Amino acid sequence: MYGGPSNSILPMRTFAQYNFKIPAFAIAHLGTKEIYDAIGAEGASQHHFISCFTPGDADDTPGIKEMNAAADKYGYSNYKSNVNFVGGWVVGQMIAESLAKVGPQPTRDKLIETLNNGFTVDPKGVSGVLRYTKDDHRGPISLRPYTYDFQAKKFKAIGKYSDYDKFVDKLK
């Protein structure tokens, strides 16, 4: 499923209404608690989303703990399980780490040179490891599916990023 929230909500609620058990997969930004709540537990049992970002309640990795602590500290606790918030956290980490490598007087040219020399960010479980080279600027390419556990009231990762790496096209 692709697009806005209604593109997940309407079909999944309809499938549940008619007792169709059709597994569905959506893009990352359709994996929010609000969408799962709108679909309801029955419809959501067949709804999964695929993301390169880990919702803040799906894992207990060092990176998730750090992100959740910062979200709590700065008043964003309600957002930490939203993959769109998590994406912002990872992008912010990439920016901070790349600028730190550039040095005290960053310029566009220094940033490009630094990135072209190879750049790796380990978000410690918030996403897969991010690697940039002169020929590969794709960024996050590790993905995994998620679902929502209504009883536990949290997202659930299905496997580890490394379980799916063999299925993702990687430049050699």
N, C-alpha and C. Protein backbone atom coordinates (compact mmCIF):
# COMPACT_ATOMS: atom_id res chain seq x y z
N MET A 1 0.85 -1.17 0.00
CA MET A 1 0.00 0.00 0.00
C MET A 1 0.89 1.22 0.00
N TYR A 2 0.45 2.19 -0.74
CA TYR A 2 1.24 3.39 -0.92
C TYR A 2 0.31 4.59 -0.86
N GLY A 3 0.82 5.70 -0.40
CA GLY A 3 0.04 6.92 -0.40
C GLY A 3 -0.28 7.40 0.99
N GLY A 4 -1.44 8.02 1.13
CA GLY A 4 -1.86 8.59 2.40
C GLY A 4 -2.52 7.56 3.30
N PRO A 5 -2.86 7.97 4.52
CA PRO A 5 -3.46 7.05 5.49
C PRO A 5 -4.71 6.32 4.99
N SER A 6 -5.56 7.00 4.24
CA SER A 6 -6.79 6.34 3.79
C SER A 6 -6.50 5.15 2.88
N ASN A 7 -5.34 5.14 2.23
CA ASN A 7 -4.98 4.02 1.36
C ASN A 7 -4.69 2.75 2.16
N SER A 8 -4.42 2.86 3.44
CA SER A 8 -4.29 1.69 4.30
C SER A 8 -5.57 1.44 5.09
N ILE A 9 -6.15 2.50 5.61
CA ILE A 9 -7.31 2.36 6.49
C ILE A 9 -8.51 1.77 5.77
N LEU A 10 -8.89 2.32 4.64
CA LEU A 10 -10.10 1.87 3.94
C LEU A 10 -10.03 0.40 3.52
N PRO A 11 -8.97 -0.04 2.82
CA PRO A 11 -8.95 -1.46 2.44
C PRO A 11 -8.89 -2.40 3.64
N MET A 12 -8.09 -2.07 4.64
CA MET A 12 -7.94 -2.98 5.77
C MET A 12 -9.24 -3.08 6.58
N ARG A 13 -9.95 -1.98 6.73
CA ARG A 13 -11.24 -2.04 7.44
C ARG A 13 -12.27 -2.81 6.61
N THR A 14 -12.22 -2.63 5.30
CA THR A 14 -13.14 -3.35 4.42
C THR A 14 -12.84 -4.85 4.45
N PHE A 15 -11.56 -5.20 4.37
CA PHE A 15 -11.19 -6.62 4.44
C PHE A 15 -11.70 -7.23 5.75
N ALA A 16 -11.51 -6.53 6.86
CA ALA A 16 -11.96 -7.04 8.16
C ALA A 16 -13.49 -7.18 8.19
N GLN A 17 -14.19 -6.20 7.61
CA GLN A 17 -15.65 -6.24 7.60
C GLN A 17 -16.17 -7.50 6.90
N TYR A 18 -15.50 -7.90 5.84
CA TYR A 18 -15.94 -9.07 5.07
C TYR A 18 -15.14 -10.33 5.42
N ASN A 19 -14.36 -10.25 6.51
CA ASN A 19 -13.58 -11.38 7.01
C ASN A 19 -12.56 -11.90 5.99
N PHE A 20 -12.03 -11.00 5.16
CA PHE A 20 -10.95 -11.38 4.25
C PHE A 20 -9.65 -11.34 5.04
N LYS A 21 -8.87 -12.37 4.92
CA LYS A 21 -7.57 -12.43 5.58
C LYS A 21 -6.50 -12.31 4.50
N ILE A 22 -6.23 -11.07 4.11
CA ILE A 22 -5.28 -10.79 3.04
C ILE A 22 -4.13 -9.98 3.64
N PRO A 23 -2.95 -10.59 3.79
CA PRO A 23 -1.83 -9.81 4.33
C PRO A 23 -1.50 -8.64 3.41
N ALA A 24 -1.27 -7.50 4.01
CA ALA A 24 -0.95 -6.29 3.24
C ALA A 24 0.31 -5.66 3.81
N PHE A 25 1.10 -5.07 2.93
CA PHE A 25 2.31 -4.37 3.33
C PHE A 25 2.23 -2.94 2.83
N ALA A 26 2.62 -2.02 3.70
CA ALA A 26 2.56 -0.60 3.37
C ALA A 26 3.96 0.00 3.47
N ILE A 27 4.11 1.18 2.87
CA ILE A 27 5.38 1.90 2.98
C ILE A 27 5.52 2.46 4.40
N ALA A 28 6.72 2.88 4.73
CA ALA A 28 7.07 3.25 6.10
C ALA A 28 6.13 4.27 6.72
N HIS A 29 5.83 5.36 6.03
CA HIS A 29 5.07 6.42 6.72
C HIS A 29 3.63 6.03 7.01
N LEU A 30 3.18 4.86 6.53
CA LEU A 30 1.85 4.36 6.88
C LEU A 30 1.91 3.44 8.09
N GLY A 31 3.04 3.38 8.73
CA GLY A 31 3.20 2.56 9.92
C GLY A 31 3.18 3.40 11.18
N THR A 32 2.06 4.03 11.45
CA THR A 32 1.93 4.83 12.66
C THR A 32 0.81 4.28 13.53
N LYS A 33 0.89 4.57 14.82
CA LYS A 33 -0.14 4.10 15.75
C LYS A 33 -1.51 4.63 15.35
N GLU A 34 -1.57 5.85 14.85
CA GLU A 34 -2.85 6.45 14.45
C GLU A 34 -3.52 5.62 13.35
N ILE A 35 -2.73 5.14 12.41
CA ILE A 35 -3.29 4.33 11.33
C ILE A 35 -3.75 2.98 11.88
N TYR A 36 -2.94 2.36 12.72
CA TYR A 36 -3.35 1.08 13.31
C TYR A 36 -4.61 1.25 14.16
N ASP A 37 -4.70 2.33 14.92
CA ASP A 37 -5.90 2.58 15.72
C ASP A 37 -7.13 2.74 14.81
N ALA A 38 -6.97 3.43 13.70
CA ALA A 38 -8.09 3.63 12.77
C ALA A 38 -8.51 2.33 12.09
N ILE A 39 -7.56 1.46 11.82
CA ILE A 39 -7.86 0.17 11.19
C ILE A 39 -8.56 -0.75 12.20
N GLY A 40 -8.12 -0.68 13.45
CA GLY A 40 -8.66 -1.56 14.48
C GLY A 40 -7.89 -2.86 14.54
N ALA A 41 -7.99 -3.53 15.67
CA ALA A 41 -7.18 -4.73 15.91
C ALA A 41 -7.42 -5.82 14.88
N GLU A 42 -8.66 -6.04 14.50
CA GLU A 42 -8.95 -7.12 13.55
C GLU A 42 -8.32 -6.83 12.19
N GLY A 43 -8.57 -5.66 11.65
CA GLY A 43 -7.98 -5.31 10.35
C GLY A 43 -6.48 -5.20 10.40
N ALA A 44 -5.97 -4.70 11.52
CA ALA A 44 -4.53 -4.51 11.66
C ALA A 44 -3.78 -5.82 11.78
N SER A 45 -4.46 -6.89 12.09
CA SER A 45 -3.77 -8.17 12.21
C SER A 45 -3.15 -8.61 10.89
N GLN A 46 -3.62 -8.06 9.79
CA GLN A 46 -3.09 -8.39 8.46
C GLN A 46 -2.25 -7.25 7.87
N HIS A 47 -2.12 -6.14 8.60
CA HIS A 47 -1.44 -4.95 8.08
C HIS A 47 -0.02 -4.89 8.62
N HIS A 48 0.95 -4.78 7.74
CA HIS A 48 2.36 -4.65 8.09
C HIS A 48 2.91 -3.44 7.34
N PHE A 49 3.98 -2.90 7.83
CA PHE A 49 4.67 -1.87 7.06
C PHE A 49 6.15 -2.20 7.05
N ILE A 50 6.81 -1.71 6.03
CA ILE A 50 8.23 -1.97 5.83
C ILE A 50 8.97 -0.65 6.01
N SER A 51 10.01 -0.67 6.82
CA SER A 51 10.71 0.58 7.10
C SER A 51 12.19 0.33 7.34
N CYS A 52 12.97 1.36 7.09
CA CYS A 52 14.39 1.33 7.43
C CYS A 52 14.59 1.95 8.81
N PHE A 53 13.51 2.39 9.46
CA PHE A 53 13.58 3.00 10.78
C PHE A 53 12.80 2.17 11.80
N THR A 54 13.32 2.08 13.01
CA THR A 54 12.71 1.28 14.07
C THR A 54 11.86 2.16 14.98
N PRO A 55 10.56 1.87 15.09
CA PRO A 55 9.74 2.61 16.05
C PRO A 55 10.34 2.49 17.45
N GLY A 56 10.22 3.54 18.23
CA GLY A 56 10.86 3.61 19.54
C GLY A 56 10.40 2.60 20.56
N ASP A 57 9.32 1.88 20.27
CA ASP A 57 8.85 0.87 21.21
C ASP A 57 9.04 -0.55 20.68
N ALA A 58 9.66 -0.70 19.53
CA ALA A 58 9.78 -2.01 18.90
C ALA A 58 11.05 -2.76 19.30
N ASP A 59 12.04 -2.06 19.82
CA ASP A 59 13.31 -2.68 20.19
C ASP A 59 13.84 -2.02 21.45
N ASP A 60 14.86 -2.63 22.01
CA ASP A 60 15.49 -2.11 23.22
C ASP A 60 16.98 -1.95 22.98
N THR A 61 17.36 -1.46 21.80
CA THR A 61 18.77 -1.31 21.46
C THR A 61 19.33 -0.02 22.08
N PRO A 62 20.65 0.11 22.14
CA PRO A 62 21.24 1.33 22.70
C PRO A 62 20.76 2.60 21.98
N GLY A 63 20.66 2.55 20.65
CA GLY A 63 20.21 3.72 19.91
C GLY A 63 18.77 4.10 20.21
N ILE A 64 17.92 3.10 20.36
CA ILE A 64 16.51 3.36 20.71
C ILE A 64 16.43 3.96 22.11
N LYS A 65 17.19 3.42 23.04
CA LYS A 65 17.19 3.97 24.41
C LYS A 65 17.62 5.44 24.39
N GLU A 66 18.66 5.75 23.63
CA GLU A 66 19.15 7.13 23.54
C GLU A 66 18.09 8.04 22.91
N MET A 67 17.47 7.59 21.82
CA MET A 67 16.44 8.39 21.16
C MET A 67 15.25 8.61 22.08
N ASN A 68 14.81 7.54 22.75
CA ASN A 68 13.66 7.66 23.64
C ASN A 68 13.94 8.60 24.81
N ALA A 69 15.14 8.54 25.35
CA ALA A 69 15.50 9.43 26.46
C ALA A 69 15.47 10.89 26.00
N ALA A 70 16.00 11.16 24.80
CA ALA A 70 15.99 12.52 24.27
C ALA A 70 14.55 12.98 24.00
N ALA A 71 13.72 12.09 23.44
CA ALA A 71 12.32 12.44 23.19
C ALA A 71 11.61 12.78 24.49
N ASP A 72 11.85 12.00 25.53
CA ASP A 72 11.24 12.27 26.83
C ASP A 72 11.74 13.59 27.40
N LYS A 73 13.04 13.81 27.31
CA LYS A 73 13.66 15.02 27.88
C LYS A 73 13.13 16.30 27.24
N TYR A 74 12.92 16.26 25.91
CA TYR A 74 12.53 17.47 25.20
C TYR A 74 11.03 17.55 24.88
N GLY A 75 10.24 16.67 25.49
CA GLY A 75 8.79 16.78 25.36
C GLY A 75 8.20 16.14 24.11
N TYR A 76 8.87 15.17 23.53
CA TYR A 76 8.37 14.51 22.32
C TYR A 76 8.03 13.04 22.56
N SER A 77 7.69 12.69 23.79
CA SER A 77 7.41 11.30 24.14
C SER A 77 6.34 10.68 23.27
N ASN A 78 5.34 11.44 22.89
CA ASN A 78 4.24 10.90 22.08
C ASN A 78 4.66 10.54 20.67
N TYR A 79 5.82 10.99 20.23
CA TYR A 79 6.25 10.77 18.86
C TYR A 79 7.27 9.65 18.69
N LYS A 80 7.86 9.17 19.75
CA LYS A 80 9.01 8.27 19.62
C LYS A 80 8.70 6.93 18.98
N SER A 81 7.44 6.51 18.92
CA SER A 81 7.12 5.26 18.22
C SER A 81 6.70 5.52 16.77
N ASN A 82 6.69 6.75 16.36
CA ASN A 82 6.32 7.11 14.99
C ASN A 82 7.56 7.05 14.09
N VAL A 83 7.52 6.21 13.06
CA VAL A 83 8.70 6.05 12.20
C VAL A 83 9.11 7.34 11.51
N ASN A 84 8.18 8.26 11.35
CA ASN A 84 8.53 9.54 10.74
C ASN A 84 9.40 10.37 11.71
N PHE A 85 9.11 10.32 13.00
CA PHE A 85 9.95 10.95 14.01
C PHE A 85 11.32 10.27 14.04
N VAL A 86 11.32 8.94 14.01
CA VAL A 86 12.56 8.17 14.04
C VAL A 86 13.44 8.53 12.84
N GLY A 87 12.82 8.69 11.68
CA GLY A 87 13.57 9.10 10.49
C GLY A 87 14.27 10.43 10.71
N GLY A 88 13.59 11.36 11.35
CA GLY A 88 14.21 12.66 11.66
C GLY A 88 15.38 12.51 12.61
N TRP A 89 15.25 11.59 13.57
CA TRP A 89 16.34 11.33 14.51
C TRP A 89 17.57 10.82 13.77
N VAL A 90 17.37 9.87 12.86
CA VAL A 90 18.49 9.29 12.12
C VAL A 90 19.12 10.33 11.21
N VAL A 91 18.32 11.12 10.52
CA VAL A 91 18.86 12.17 9.65
C VAL A 91 19.65 13.18 10.48
N GLY A 92 19.12 13.55 11.64
CA GLY A 92 19.85 14.47 12.52
C GLY A 92 21.18 13.90 12.96
N GLN A 93 21.19 12.60 13.27
CA GLN A 93 22.44 11.95 13.66
C GLN A 93 23.44 11.95 12.50
N MET A 94 22.95 11.69 11.29
CA MET A 94 23.83 11.70 10.12
C MET A 94 24.42 13.10 9.91
N ILE A 95 23.60 14.12 10.05
CA ILE A 95 24.08 15.49 9.86
C ILE A 95 25.12 15.84 10.92
N ALA A 96 24.81 15.53 12.18
CA ALA A 96 25.74 15.86 13.26
C ALA A 96 27.08 15.15 13.08
N GLU A 97 27.03 13.86 12.76
CA GLU A 97 28.29 13.10 12.61
C GLU A 97 29.08 13.55 11.38
N SER A 98 28.39 13.85 10.29
CA SER A 98 29.13 14.27 9.09
C SER A 98 29.75 15.65 9.30
N LEU A 99 29.04 16.56 9.95
CA LEU A 99 29.61 17.88 10.20
C LEU A 99 30.77 17.80 11.19
N ALA A 100 30.70 16.91 12.15
CA ALA A 100 31.81 16.74 13.09
C ALA A 100 33.06 16.26 12.36
N LYS A 101 32.89 15.42 11.35
CA LYS A 101 34.04 14.91 10.58
C LYS A 101 34.63 15.99 9.66
N VAL A 102 33.80 16.94 9.26
CA VAL A 102 34.27 18.00 8.36
C VAL A 102 35.20 18.96 9.08
N GLY A 103 34.95 19.21 10.35
CA GLY A 103 35.82 20.09 11.12
C GLY A 103 35.14 21.38 11.50
N PRO A 104 35.90 22.27 12.14
CA PRO A 104 35.31 23.48 12.72
C PRO A 104 34.82 24.52 11.70
N GLN A 105 35.33 24.50 10.49
CA GLN A 105 34.90 25.45 9.47
C GLN A 105 34.26 24.70 8.29
N PRO A 106 33.04 24.19 8.48
CA PRO A 106 32.44 23.37 7.41
C PRO A 106 32.08 24.20 6.19
N THR A 107 32.33 23.59 5.04
CA THR A 107 31.90 24.16 3.77
C THR A 107 31.29 23.03 2.96
N ARG A 108 30.57 23.39 1.92
CA ARG A 108 29.98 22.37 1.05
C ARG A 108 31.07 21.48 0.45
N ASP A 109 32.14 22.09 -0.02
CA ASP A 109 33.23 21.32 -0.62
C ASP A 109 33.86 20.34 0.38
N LYS A 110 34.07 20.79 1.62
CA LYS A 110 34.64 19.89 2.64
C LYS A 110 33.67 18.75 2.95
N LEU A 111 32.39 19.05 2.99
CA LEU A 111 31.40 18.02 3.26
C LEU A 111 31.38 16.98 2.15
N ILE A 112 31.39 17.42 0.90
CA ILE A 112 31.41 16.50 -0.24
C ILE A 112 32.67 15.64 -0.21
N GLU A 113 33.81 16.26 0.07
CA GLU A 113 35.07 15.51 0.15
C GLU A 113 35.00 14.45 1.25
N THR A 114 34.48 14.84 2.40
CA THR A 114 34.36 13.90 3.52
C THR A 114 33.46 12.74 3.15
N LEU A 115 32.32 13.02 2.58
CA LEU A 115 31.37 11.97 2.21
C LEU A 115 31.94 11.06 1.12
N ASN A 116 32.63 11.64 0.15
CA ASN A 116 33.21 10.85 -0.92
C ASN A 116 34.37 9.97 -0.46
N ASN A 117 34.99 10.32 0.65
CA ASN A 117 36.06 9.49 1.19
C ASN A 117 35.52 8.29 1.95
N GLY A 118 34.22 8.23 2.08
CA GLY A 118 33.59 7.13 2.82
C GLY A 118 33.10 7.62 4.16
N PHE A 119 31.89 7.25 4.48
CA PHE A 119 31.25 7.75 5.68
C PHE A 119 30.31 6.68 6.20
N THR A 120 30.43 6.34 7.46
CA THR A 120 29.57 5.33 8.07
C THR A 120 28.95 5.89 9.34
N VAL A 121 27.66 5.65 9.50
CA VAL A 121 26.96 6.02 10.73
C VAL A 121 26.30 4.76 11.27
N ASP A 122 26.56 4.48 12.53
CA ASP A 122 25.90 3.35 13.19
C ASP A 122 24.86 3.90 14.15
N PRO A 123 23.58 3.88 13.77
CA PRO A 123 22.53 4.39 14.64
C PRO A 123 22.19 3.46 15.81
N LYS A 124 22.97 2.42 15.99
CA LYS A 124 22.85 1.50 17.14
C LYS A 124 21.46 0.91 17.28
N GLY A 125 20.89 0.48 16.15
CA GLY A 125 19.60 -0.20 16.18
C GLY A 125 18.41 0.64 15.79
N VAL A 126 18.58 1.96 15.71
CA VAL A 126 17.47 2.81 15.28
C VAL A 126 17.19 2.57 13.80
N SER A 127 18.21 2.21 13.08
CA SER A 127 18.12 1.75 11.69
C SER A 127 19.32 0.85 11.46
N GLY A 128 19.43 0.32 10.26
CA GLY A 128 20.63 -0.42 9.92
C GLY A 128 21.80 0.55 9.82
N VAL A 129 23.01 0.02 9.74
CA VAL A 129 24.19 0.86 9.58
C VAL A 129 24.12 1.56 8.23
N LEU A 130 24.44 2.84 8.23
CA LEU A 130 24.40 3.66 7.01
C LEU A 130 25.82 3.84 6.49
N ARG A 131 26.01 3.50 5.21
CA ARG A 131 27.34 3.61 4.60
C ARG A 131 27.25 4.43 3.32
N TYR A 132 28.13 5.41 3.23
CA TYR A 132 28.23 6.22 2.02
C TYR A 132 29.63 6.04 1.45
N THR A 133 29.71 5.93 0.14
CA THR A 133 30.99 5.89 -0.55
C THR A 133 30.92 6.88 -1.71
N LYS A 134 32.02 7.00 -2.41
CA LYS A 134 32.04 7.92 -3.55
C LYS A 134 30.99 7.52 -4.59
N ASP A 135 30.75 6.22 -4.74
CA ASP A 135 29.82 5.74 -5.76
C ASP A 135 28.44 5.36 -5.24
N ASP A 136 28.24 5.39 -3.95
CA ASP A 136 26.97 4.96 -3.39
C ASP A 136 26.50 5.95 -2.33
N HIS A 137 25.52 6.76 -2.70
CA HIS A 137 24.95 7.76 -1.79
C HIS A 137 23.51 7.42 -1.43
N ARG A 138 23.15 6.14 -1.48
CA ARG A 138 21.76 5.76 -1.23
C ARG A 138 21.34 5.95 0.21
N GLY A 139 22.24 5.85 1.14
CA GLY A 139 21.87 6.00 2.55
C GLY A 139 21.25 4.75 3.10
N PRO A 140 20.14 4.88 3.84
CA PRO A 140 19.56 3.70 4.48
C PRO A 140 19.01 2.72 3.44
N ILE A 141 19.52 1.49 3.46
CA ILE A 141 19.01 0.48 2.54
C ILE A 141 18.56 -0.78 3.27
N SER A 142 18.87 -0.90 4.56
CA SER A 142 18.40 -2.06 5.32
C SER A 142 16.95 -1.82 5.73
N LEU A 143 16.12 -2.81 5.49
CA LEU A 143 14.69 -2.71 5.78
C LEU A 143 14.23 -3.93 6.55
N ARG A 144 13.09 -3.79 7.22
CA ARG A 144 12.43 -4.95 7.82
C ARG A 144 10.96 -4.61 8.03
N PRO A 145 10.12 -5.64 8.12
CA PRO A 145 8.69 -5.40 8.34
C PRO A 145 8.37 -5.24 9.83
N TYR A 146 7.26 -4.55 10.06
CA TYR A 146 6.74 -4.32 11.41
C TYR A 146 5.24 -4.53 11.40
N THR A 147 4.72 -4.77 12.58
CA THR A 147 3.28 -4.80 12.78
C THR A 147 3.02 -4.17 14.14
N TYR A 148 1.76 -4.08 14.51
CA TYR A 148 1.40 -3.47 15.79
C TYR A 148 0.73 -4.51 16.66
N ASP A 149 1.18 -4.64 17.89
CA ASP A 149 0.61 -5.57 18.86
C ASP A 149 -0.36 -4.79 19.74
N PHE A 150 -1.66 -4.99 19.50
CA PHE A 150 -2.67 -4.25 20.24
C PHE A 150 -2.70 -4.62 21.72
N GLN A 151 -2.40 -5.86 22.05
CA GLN A 151 -2.41 -6.26 23.47
C GLN A 151 -1.27 -5.58 24.23
N ALA A 152 -0.09 -5.57 23.64
CA ALA A 152 1.07 -4.94 24.29
C ALA A 152 1.09 -3.43 24.07
N LYS A 153 0.28 -2.95 23.12
CA LYS A 153 0.23 -1.53 22.76
C LYS A 153 1.59 -1.00 22.31
N LYS A 154 2.22 -1.77 21.40
CA LYS A 154 3.50 -1.31 20.85
C LYS A 154 3.77 -2.00 19.52
N PHE A 155 4.70 -1.41 18.77
CA PHE A 155 5.08 -1.99 17.49
C PHE A 155 5.96 -3.20 17.72
N LYS A 156 5.92 -4.10 16.76
CA LYS A 156 6.70 -5.32 16.84
C LYS A 156 7.49 -5.49 15.55
N ALA A 157 8.80 -5.58 15.69
CA ALA A 157 9.65 -5.85 14.53
C ALA A 157 9.55 -7.32 14.18
N ILE A 158 9.55 -7.60 12.91
CA ILE A 158 9.53 -8.98 12.45
C ILE A 158 10.95 -9.31 11.98
N GLY A 159 11.73 -9.91 12.86
CA GLY A 159 13.12 -10.23 12.56
C GLY A 159 14.05 -9.07 12.83
N LYS A 160 15.29 -9.24 12.35
CA LYS A 160 16.33 -8.23 12.47
C LYS A 160 16.63 -7.68 11.08
N TYR A 161 17.24 -6.51 11.03
CA TYR A 161 17.62 -5.95 9.73
C TYR A 161 18.48 -6.95 8.95
N SER A 162 19.39 -7.60 9.64
CA SER A 162 20.31 -8.52 8.96
C SER A 162 19.57 -9.70 8.31
N ASP A 163 18.38 -10.04 8.81
CA ASP A 163 17.60 -11.12 8.21
C ASP A 163 17.17 -10.79 6.78
N TYR A 164 17.07 -9.52 6.48
CA TYR A 164 16.54 -9.08 5.18
C TYR A 164 17.60 -8.51 4.24
N ASP A 165 18.81 -8.32 4.76
CA ASP A 165 19.87 -7.72 3.94
C ASP A 165 20.11 -8.49 2.65
N LYS A 166 19.99 -9.80 2.68
CA LYS A 166 20.27 -10.60 1.48
C LYS A 166 19.24 -10.35 0.38
N PHE A 167 18.11 -9.75 0.73
CA PHE A 167 17.07 -9.49 -0.26
C PHE A 167 17.14 -8.08 -0.84
N VAL A 168 17.99 -7.25 -0.27
CA VAL A 168 18.09 -5.86 -0.69
C VAL A 168 19.26 -5.72 -1.64
N ASP A 169 19.03 -5.06 -2.77
CA ASP A 169 20.08 -4.84 -3.75
C ASP A 169 21.15 -3.96 -3.16
N LYS A 170 22.38 -4.43 -3.19
CA LYS A 170 23.50 -3.65 -2.69
C LYS A 170 24.55 -3.51 -3.76
N LEU A 171 25.13 -2.33 -3.86
CA LEU A 171 26.21 -2.12 -4.80
C LEU A 171 27.44 -2.85 -4.31
N LYS A 172 28.16 -3.44 -5.22
CA LYS A 172 29.39 -4.19 -4.85
C LYS A 172 30.57 -3.25 -4.90
